PDB file of N, CA and C in Angstrom:
ATOM      1  N   UNK A   1      -6.538  18.359  -3.337  1.00  0.00           N
ATOM      2  CA  UNK A   1      -6.256  19.777  -3.442  1.00  0.00           C
ATOM      3  C   UNK A   1      -5.456  20.294  -2.247  1.00  0.00           C
ATOM      4  N   UNK A   2      -5.451  19.556  -1.136  1.00  0.00           N
ATOM      5  CA  UNK A   2      -4.748  19.992   0.066  1.00  0.00           C
ATOM      6  C   UNK A   2      -3.406  19.277   0.149  1.00  0.00           C
ATOM      7  N   UNK A   3      -2.372  20.027   0.492  1.00  0.00           N
ATOM      8  CA  UNK A   3      -1.046  19.438   0.674  1.00  0.00           C
ATOM      9  C   UNK A   3      -0.299  20.284   1.690  1.00  0.00           C
ATOM     10  N   UNK A   4       0.502  19.664   2.502  1.00  0.00           N
ATOM     11  CA  UNK A   4       1.285  20.410   3.466  1.00  0.00           C
ATOM     12  C   UNK A   4       1.493  19.641   4.741  1.00  0.00           C
ATOM     13  N   UNK A   5       1.829  20.351   5.777  1.00  0.00           N
ATOM     14  CA  UNK A   5       2.136  19.706   7.049  1.00  0.00           C
ATOM     15  C   UNK A   5       0.925  19.020   7.654  1.00  0.00           C
ATOM     16  N   UNK A   6      -0.271  19.365   7.227  1.00  0.00           N
ATOM     17  CA  UNK A   6      -1.485  18.718   7.751  1.00  0.00           C
ATOM     18  C   UNK A   6      -1.888  17.493   6.931  1.00  0.00           C
ATOM     19  N   UNK A   7      -1.179  17.162   5.900  1.00  0.00           N
ATOM     20  CA  UNK A   7      -1.504  15.987   5.095  1.00  0.00           C
ATOM     21  C   UNK A   7      -2.263  16.343   3.829  1.00  0.00           C
ATOM     22  N   UNK A   8      -2.843  15.320   3.196  1.00  0.00           N
ATOM     23  CA  UNK A   8      -3.505  15.517   1.916  1.00  0.00           C
ATOM     24  C   UNK A   8      -5.024  15.387   1.967  1.00  0.00           C
ATOM     25  N   UNK A   9      -5.560  14.850   3.048  1.00  0.00           N
ATOM     26  CA  UNK A   9      -7.004  14.683   3.222  1.00  0.00           C
ATOM     27  C   UNK A   9      -7.651  13.915   2.072  1.00  0.00           C
ATOM     28  N   UNK A  10      -7.015  12.871   1.592  1.00  0.00           N
ATOM     29  CA  UNK A  10      -7.616  12.058   0.526  1.00  0.00           C
ATOM     30  C   UNK A  10      -7.784  10.604   0.963  1.00  0.00           C
ATOM     31  N   UNK A  11      -7.645  10.333   2.245  1.00  0.00           N
ATOM     32  CA  UNK A  11      -7.798   9.003   2.838  1.00  0.00           C
ATOM     33  C   UNK A  11      -6.745   8.010   2.369  1.00  0.00           C
ATOM     34  N   UNK A  12      -5.662   8.485   1.774  1.00  0.00           N
ATOM     35  CA  UNK A  12      -4.568   7.630   1.342  1.00  0.00           C
ATOM     36  C   UNK A  12      -3.347   7.964   2.193  1.00  0.00           C
ATOM     37  N   UNK A  13      -3.043   7.110   3.160  1.00  0.00           N
ATOM     38  CA  UNK A  13      -1.934   7.407   4.063  1.00  0.00           C
ATOM     39  C   UNK A  13      -0.576   7.290   3.384  1.00  0.00           C
ATOM     40  N   UNK A  14      -0.500   6.724   2.206  1.00  0.00           N
ATOM     41  CA  UNK A  14       0.775   6.559   1.511  1.00  0.00           C
ATOM     42  C   UNK A  14       1.329   7.886   0.999  1.00  0.00           C
ATOM     43  N   UNK A  15       0.487   8.907   0.856  1.00  0.00           N
ATOM     44  CA  UNK A  15       0.974  10.180   0.320  1.00  0.00           C
ATOM     45  C   UNK A  15       0.876  11.336   1.318  1.00  0.00           C
ATOM     46  N   UNK A  16       0.775  11.031   2.595  1.00  0.00           N
ATOM     47  CA  UNK A  16       0.653  12.079   3.606  1.00  0.00           C
ATOM     48  C   UNK A  16       1.892  12.962   3.689  1.00  0.00           C
ATOM     49  N   UNK A  17       3.059  12.439   3.370  1.00  0.00           N
ATOM     50  CA  UNK A  17       4.287  13.217   3.466  1.00  0.00           C
ATOM     51  C   UNK A  17       4.702  13.761   2.100  1.00  0.00           C
ATOM     52  N   UNK A  18       3.733  14.244   1.314  1.00  0.00           N
ATOM     53  CA  UNK A  18       4.034  14.830   0.016  1.00  0.00           C
ATOM     54  C   UNK A  18       4.637  16.218   0.222  1.00  0.00           C
ATOM     55  N   UNK A  19       5.782  16.447  -0.386  1.00  0.00           N
ATOM     56  CA  UNK A  19       6.515  17.703  -0.209  1.00  0.00           C
ATOM     57  C   UNK A  19       6.036  18.756  -1.208  1.00  0.00           C
ATOM     58  N   UNK A  20       6.464  20.001  -1.048  1.00  0.00           N
ATOM     59  CA  UNK A  20       6.094  21.041  -2.011  1.00  0.00           C
ATOM     60  C   UNK A  20       6.519  20.697  -3.442  1.00  0.00           C
ATOM     61  N   UNK A  21       7.587  19.908  -3.588  1.00  0.00           N
ATOM     62  CA  UNK A  21       8.064  19.527  -4.924  1.00  0.00           C
ATOM     63  C   UNK A  21       7.259  18.363  -5.506  1.00  0.00           C
ATOM     64  N   UNK A  22       6.392  17.751  -4.691  1.00  0.00           N
ATOM     65  CA  UNK A  22       5.562  16.657  -5.184  1.00  0.00           C
ATOM     66  C   UNK A  22       6.097  15.268  -4.892  1.00  0.00           C
ATOM     67  N   UNK A  23       7.297  15.165  -4.299  1.00  0.00           N
ATOM     68  CA  UNK A  23       7.815  13.844  -3.959  1.00  0.00           C
ATOM     69  C   UNK A  23       7.285  13.445  -2.578  1.00  0.00           C
ATOM     70  N   UNK A  24       7.362  12.168  -2.251  1.00  0.00           N
ATOM     71  CA  UNK A  24       6.855  11.676  -0.974  1.00  0.00           C
ATOM     72  C   UNK A  24       8.033  11.232  -0.114  1.00  0.00           C
ATOM     73  N   UNK A  25       8.160  11.849   1.055  1.00  0.00           N
ATOM     74  CA  UNK A  25       9.217  11.487   1.995  1.00  0.00           C
ATOM     75  C   UNK A  25       8.760  10.315   2.861  1.00  0.00           C
ATOM     76  N   UNK A  26       9.711   9.564   3.375  1.00  0.00           N
ATOM     77  CA  UNK A  26       9.368   8.421   4.217  1.00  0.00           C
ATOM     78  C   UNK A  26       9.580   8.703   5.694  1.00  0.00           C
ATOM     79  N   UNK A  27      10.283   9.773   6.041  1.00  0.00           N
ATOM     80  CA  UNK A  27      10.496  10.078   7.453  1.00  0.00           C
ATOM     81  C   UNK A  27       9.908  11.441   7.795  1.00  0.00           C
ATOM     82  N   UNK A  28       9.489  11.578   9.035  1.00  0.00           N
ATOM     83  CA  UNK A  28       8.918  12.834   9.507  1.00  0.00           C
ATOM     84  C   UNK A  28       9.944  13.958   9.418  1.00  0.00           C
ATOM     85  N   UNK A  29      11.177  13.668   9.792  1.00  0.00           N
ATOM     86  CA  UNK A  29      12.221  14.683   9.794  1.00  0.00           C
ATOM     87  C   UNK A  29      12.499  15.217   8.392  1.00  0.00           C
ATOM     88  N   UNK A  30      12.661  14.326   7.434  1.00  0.00           N
ATOM     89  CA  UNK A  30      12.918  14.755   6.050  1.00  0.00           C
ATOM     90  C   UNK A  30      11.745  15.558   5.512  1.00  0.00           C
ATOM     91  N   UNK A  31      10.531  15.128   5.832  1.00  0.00           N
ATOM     92  CA  UNK A  31       9.329  15.833   5.392  1.00  0.00           C
ATOM     93  C   UNK A  31       9.275  17.244   5.982  1.00  0.00           C
ATOM     94  N   UNK A  32       9.475  17.352   7.284  1.00  0.00           N
ATOM     95  CA  UNK A  32       9.419  18.662   7.941  1.00  0.00           C
ATOM     96  C   UNK A  32      10.498  19.594   7.409  1.00  0.00           C
ATOM     97  N   UNK A  33      11.683  19.068   7.130  1.00  0.00           N
ATOM     98  CA  UNK A  33      12.761  19.908   6.610  1.00  0.00           C
ATOM     99  C   UNK A  33      12.430  20.494   5.244  1.00  0.00           C
ATOM    100  N   UNK A  34      11.593  19.823   4.459  1.00  0.00           N
ATOM    101  CA  UNK A  34      11.212  20.350   3.138  1.00  0.00           C
ATOM    102  C   UNK A  34      10.314  21.582   3.261  1.00  0.00           C
ATOM    103  N   UNK A  35       9.677  21.771   4.413  1.00  0.00           N
ATOM    104  CA  UNK A  35       8.793  22.914   4.623  1.00  0.00           C
ATOM    105  C   UNK A  35       9.449  24.040   5.418  1.00  0.00           C
ATOM    106  N   UNK A  36      10.760  23.947   5.646  1.00  0.00           N
ATOM    107  CA  UNK A  36      11.459  25.026   6.346  1.00  0.00           C
ATOM    108  C   UNK A  36      11.377  26.306   5.534  1.00  0.00           C
ATOM    109  N   UNK A  37      11.219  27.411   6.219  1.00  0.00           N
ATOM    110  CA  UNK A  37      11.090  28.709   5.558  1.00  0.00           C
ATOM    111  C   UNK A  37      12.457  29.358   5.395  1.00  0.00           C
ATOM    112  N   UNK A  38      13.029  29.252   4.247  1.00  0.00           N
ATOM    113  CA  UNK A  38      14.282  29.919   3.849  1.00  0.00           C
ATOM    114  C   UNK A  38      15.365  29.945   4.918  1.00  0.00           C
ATOM    115  N   UNK A  39      15.569  28.857   5.572  1.00  0.00           N
ATOM    116  CA  UNK A  39      16.648  28.757   6.539  1.00  0.00           C
ATOM    117  C   UNK A  39      16.399  29.497   7.844  1.00  0.00           C
ATOM    118  N   UNK A  40      15.205  30.083   8.017  1.00  0.00           N
ATOM    119  CA  UNK A  40      14.906  30.786   9.267  1.00  0.00           C
ATOM    120  C   UNK A  40      14.851  29.818  10.442  1.00  0.00           C
ATOM    121  N   UNK A  41      14.458  28.598  10.164  1.00  0.00           N
ATOM    122  CA  UNK A  41      14.381  27.572  11.206  1.00  0.00           C
ATOM    123  C   UNK A  41      15.547  26.602  11.017  1.00  0.00           C
ATOM    124  N   UNK A  42      16.104  26.109  12.094  1.00  0.00           N
ATOM    125  CA  UNK A  42      17.194  25.139  11.947  1.00  0.00           C
ATOM    126  C   UNK A  42      16.663  23.815  11.398  1.00  0.00           C
ATOM    127  N   UNK A  43      17.481  23.125  10.638  1.00  0.00           N
ATOM    128  CA  UNK A  43      17.087  21.817  10.111  1.00  0.00           C
ATOM    129  C   UNK A  43      16.943  20.841  11.267  1.00  0.00           C
ATOM    130  N   UNK A  44      15.951  19.979  11.163  1.00  0.00           N
ATOM    131  CA  UNK A  44      15.748  18.965  12.184  1.00  0.00           C
ATOM    132  C   UNK A  44      16.777  17.869  12.027  1.00  0.00           C
ATOM    133  N   UNK A  45      17.207  17.318  13.138  1.00  0.00           N
ATOM    134  CA  UNK A  45      18.140  16.201  13.130  1.00  0.00           C
ATOM    135  C   UNK A  45      17.389  14.895  12.929  1.00  0.00           C
ATOM    136  N   UNK A  46      18.094  13.784  12.988  1.00  0.00           N
ATOM    137  CA  UNK A  46      17.458  12.493  12.738  1.00  0.00           C
ATOM    138  C   UNK A  46      16.527  12.035  13.855  1.00  0.00           C
ATOM    139  N   UNK A  47      16.613  12.665  15.027  1.00  0.00           N
ATOM    140  CA  UNK A  47      15.761  12.256  16.135  1.00  0.00           C
ATOM    141  C   UNK A  47      14.637  13.260  16.315  1.00  0.00           C
ATOM    142  N   UNK A  48      13.444  12.804  16.634  1.00  0.00           N
ATOM    143  CA  UNK A  48      12.322  13.736  16.811  1.00  0.00           C
ATOM    144  C   UNK A  48      12.586  14.716  17.955  1.00  0.00           C
ATOM    145  N   UNK A  49      12.213  15.938  17.739  1.00  0.00           N
ATOM    146  CA  UNK A  49      12.341  16.981  18.738  1.00  0.00           C
ATOM    147  C   UNK A  49      11.202  16.854  19.746  1.00  0.00           C
ATOM    148  N   UNK A  50      11.494  17.076  20.998  1.00  0.00           N
ATOM    149  CA  UNK A  50      10.462  17.097  22.034  1.00  0.00           C
ATOM    150  C   UNK A  50      10.115  18.567  22.279  1.00  0.00           C
ATOM    151  N   UNK A  51       9.125  19.101  21.564  1.00  0.00           N
ATOM    152  CA  UNK A  51       8.861  20.539  21.617  1.00  0.00           C
ATOM    153  C   UNK A  51       8.463  21.051  22.996  1.00  0.00           C
ATOM    154  N   UNK A  52       7.740  20.265  23.770  1.00  0.00           N
ATOM    155  CA  UNK A  52       7.295  20.767  25.075  1.00  0.00           C
ATOM    156  C   UNK A  52       8.464  20.979  26.029  1.00  0.00           C
ATOM    157  N   UNK A  53       9.462  20.119  25.967  1.00  0.00           N
ATOM    158  CA  UNK A  53      10.605  20.298  26.862  1.00  0.00           C
ATOM    159  C   UNK A  53      11.630  21.274  26.270  1.00  0.00           C
ATOM    160  N   UNK A  54      11.745  21.321  24.952  1.00  0.00           N
ATOM    161  CA  UNK A  54      12.739  22.189  24.322  1.00  0.00           C
ATOM    162  C   UNK A  54      12.305  23.658  24.309  1.00  0.00           C
ATOM    163  N   UNK A  55      11.003  23.902  24.220  1.00  0.00           N
ATOM    164  CA  UNK A  55      10.487  25.268  24.115  1.00  0.00           C
ATOM    165  C   UNK A  55       9.356  25.500  25.109  1.00  0.00           C
ATOM    166  N   UNK A  56       9.605  25.230  26.364  1.00  0.00           N
ATOM    167  CA  UNK A  56       8.570  25.319  27.399  1.00  0.00           C
ATOM    168  C   UNK A  56       7.911  26.695  27.446  1.00  0.00           C
ATOM    169  N   UNK A  57       8.656  27.748  27.209  1.00  0.00           N
ATOM    170  CA  UNK A  57       8.105  29.099  27.256  1.00  0.00           C
ATOM    171  C   UNK A  57       7.172  29.430  26.110  1.00  0.00           C
ATOM    172  N   UNK A  58       7.127  28.606  25.100  1.00  0.00           N
ATOM    173  CA  UNK A  58       6.294  28.866  23.926  1.00  0.00           C
ATOM    174  C   UNK A  58       4.993  28.063  23.922  1.00  0.00           C
ATOM    175  N   UNK A  59       4.712  27.345  24.994  1.00  0.00           N
ATOM    176  CA  UNK A  59       3.530  26.483  25.040  1.00  0.00           C
ATOM    177  C   UNK A  59       2.242  27.267  24.770  1.00  0.00           C
ATOM    178  N   UNK A  60       2.089  28.422  25.408  1.00  0.00           N
ATOM    179  CA  UNK A  60       0.885  29.229  25.224  1.00  0.00           C
ATOM    180  C   UNK A  60       0.707  29.647  23.768  1.00  0.00           C
ATOM    181  N   UNK A  61       1.784  30.094  23.147  1.00  0.00           N
ATOM    182  CA  UNK A  61       1.750  30.512  21.746  1.00  0.00           C
ATOM    183  C   UNK A  61       1.375  29.332  20.852  1.00  0.00           C
ATOM    184  N   UNK A  62       1.954  28.171  21.120  1.00  0.00           N
ATOM    185  CA  UNK A  62       1.669  26.980  20.318  1.00  0.00           C
ATOM    186  C   UNK A  62       0.220  26.548  20.474  1.00  0.00           C
ATOM    187  N   UNK A  63      -0.300  26.584  21.680  1.00  0.00           N
ATOM    188  CA  UNK A  63      -1.691  26.189  21.896  1.00  0.00           C
ATOM    189  C   UNK A  63      -2.644  27.133  21.176  1.00  0.00           C
ATOM    190  N   UNK A  64      -2.338  28.421  21.184  1.00  0.00           N
ATOM    191  CA  UNK A  64      -3.179  29.391  20.485  1.00  0.00           C
ATOM    192  C   UNK A  64      -3.132  29.166  18.973  1.00  0.00           C
ATOM    193  N   UNK A  65      -1.930  28.902  18.442  1.00  0.00           N
ATOM    194  CA  UNK A  65      -1.792  28.670  17.004  1.00  0.00           C
ATOM    195  C   UNK A  65      -2.496  27.379  16.585  1.00  0.00           C
ATOM    196  N   UNK A  66      -2.401  26.344  17.400  1.00  0.00           N
ATOM    197  CA  UNK A  66      -3.026  25.064  17.070  1.00  0.00           C
ATOM    198  C   UNK A  66      -4.531  25.083  17.263  1.00  0.00           C
ATOM    199  N   UNK A  67      -5.038  26.054  17.994  1.00  0.00           N
ATOM    200  CA  UNK A  67      -6.480  26.158  18.198  1.00  0.00           C
ATOM    201  C   UNK A  67      -7.209  26.312  16.865  1.00  0.00           C
ATOM    202  N   UNK A  68      -6.534  26.882  15.891  1.00  0.00           N
ATOM    203  CA  UNK A  68      -7.135  27.035  14.558  1.00  0.00           C
ATOM    204  C   UNK A  68      -7.527  25.669  13.993  1.00  0.00           C
ATOM    205  N   UNK A  69      -6.718  24.651  14.243  1.00  0.00           N
ATOM    206  CA  UNK A  69      -7.007  23.313  13.724  1.00  0.00           C
ATOM    207  C   UNK A  69      -8.250  22.703  14.361  1.00  0.00           C
ATOM    208  N   UNK A  70      -8.599  23.188  15.539  1.00  0.00           N
ATOM    209  CA  UNK A  70      -9.791  22.686  16.223  1.00  0.00           C
ATOM    210  C   UNK A  70     -11.015  23.563  15.945  1.00  0.00           C
ATOM    211  N   UNK A  71     -10.831  24.626  15.188  1.00  0.00           N
ATOM    212  CA  UNK A  71     -11.905  25.573  14.910  1.00  0.00           C
ATOM    213  C   UNK A  71     -12.769  25.162  13.729  1.00  0.00           C
ATOM    214  N   UNK A  72     -13.718  26.007  13.369  1.00  0.00           N
ATOM    215  CA  UNK A  72     -14.684  25.692  12.317  1.00  0.00           C
ATOM    216  C   UNK A  72     -14.083  25.477  10.923  1.00  0.00           C
ATOM    217  N   UNK A  73     -12.928  26.053  10.653  1.00  0.00           N
ATOM    218  CA  UNK A  73     -12.323  25.889   9.318  1.00  0.00           C
ATOM    219  C   UNK A  73     -11.980  24.445   9.008  1.00  0.00           C
ATOM    220  N   UNK A  74     -11.711  23.631  10.039  1.00  0.00           N
ATOM    221  CA  UNK A  74     -11.306  22.243   9.833  1.00  0.00           C
ATOM    222  C   UNK A  74     -12.369  21.250  10.302  1.00  0.00           C
ATOM    223  N   UNK A  75     -13.589  21.683  10.482  1.00  0.00           N
ATOM    224  CA  UNK A  75     -14.635  20.759  10.917  1.00  0.00           C
ATOM    225  C   UNK A  75     -15.445  20.263   9.741  1.00  0.00           C
TER     226      UNK A  75
END
């Protein structure tokens, strides 16, 4: 029942990169690009982005947003 950037939670690693259209991507970049919000975010290139060095000023915001994943909703 779960699908998205957090995976499928069905213990099958073969379908972790299932896109909104239902197909399975083989690369992280292609998978992430399928979840872009209407062109608001730039498409990722073929090399992984280093978010901590590229967006150093956003670290606090990112840590606060990711805290949800460590909270009771995902335990």
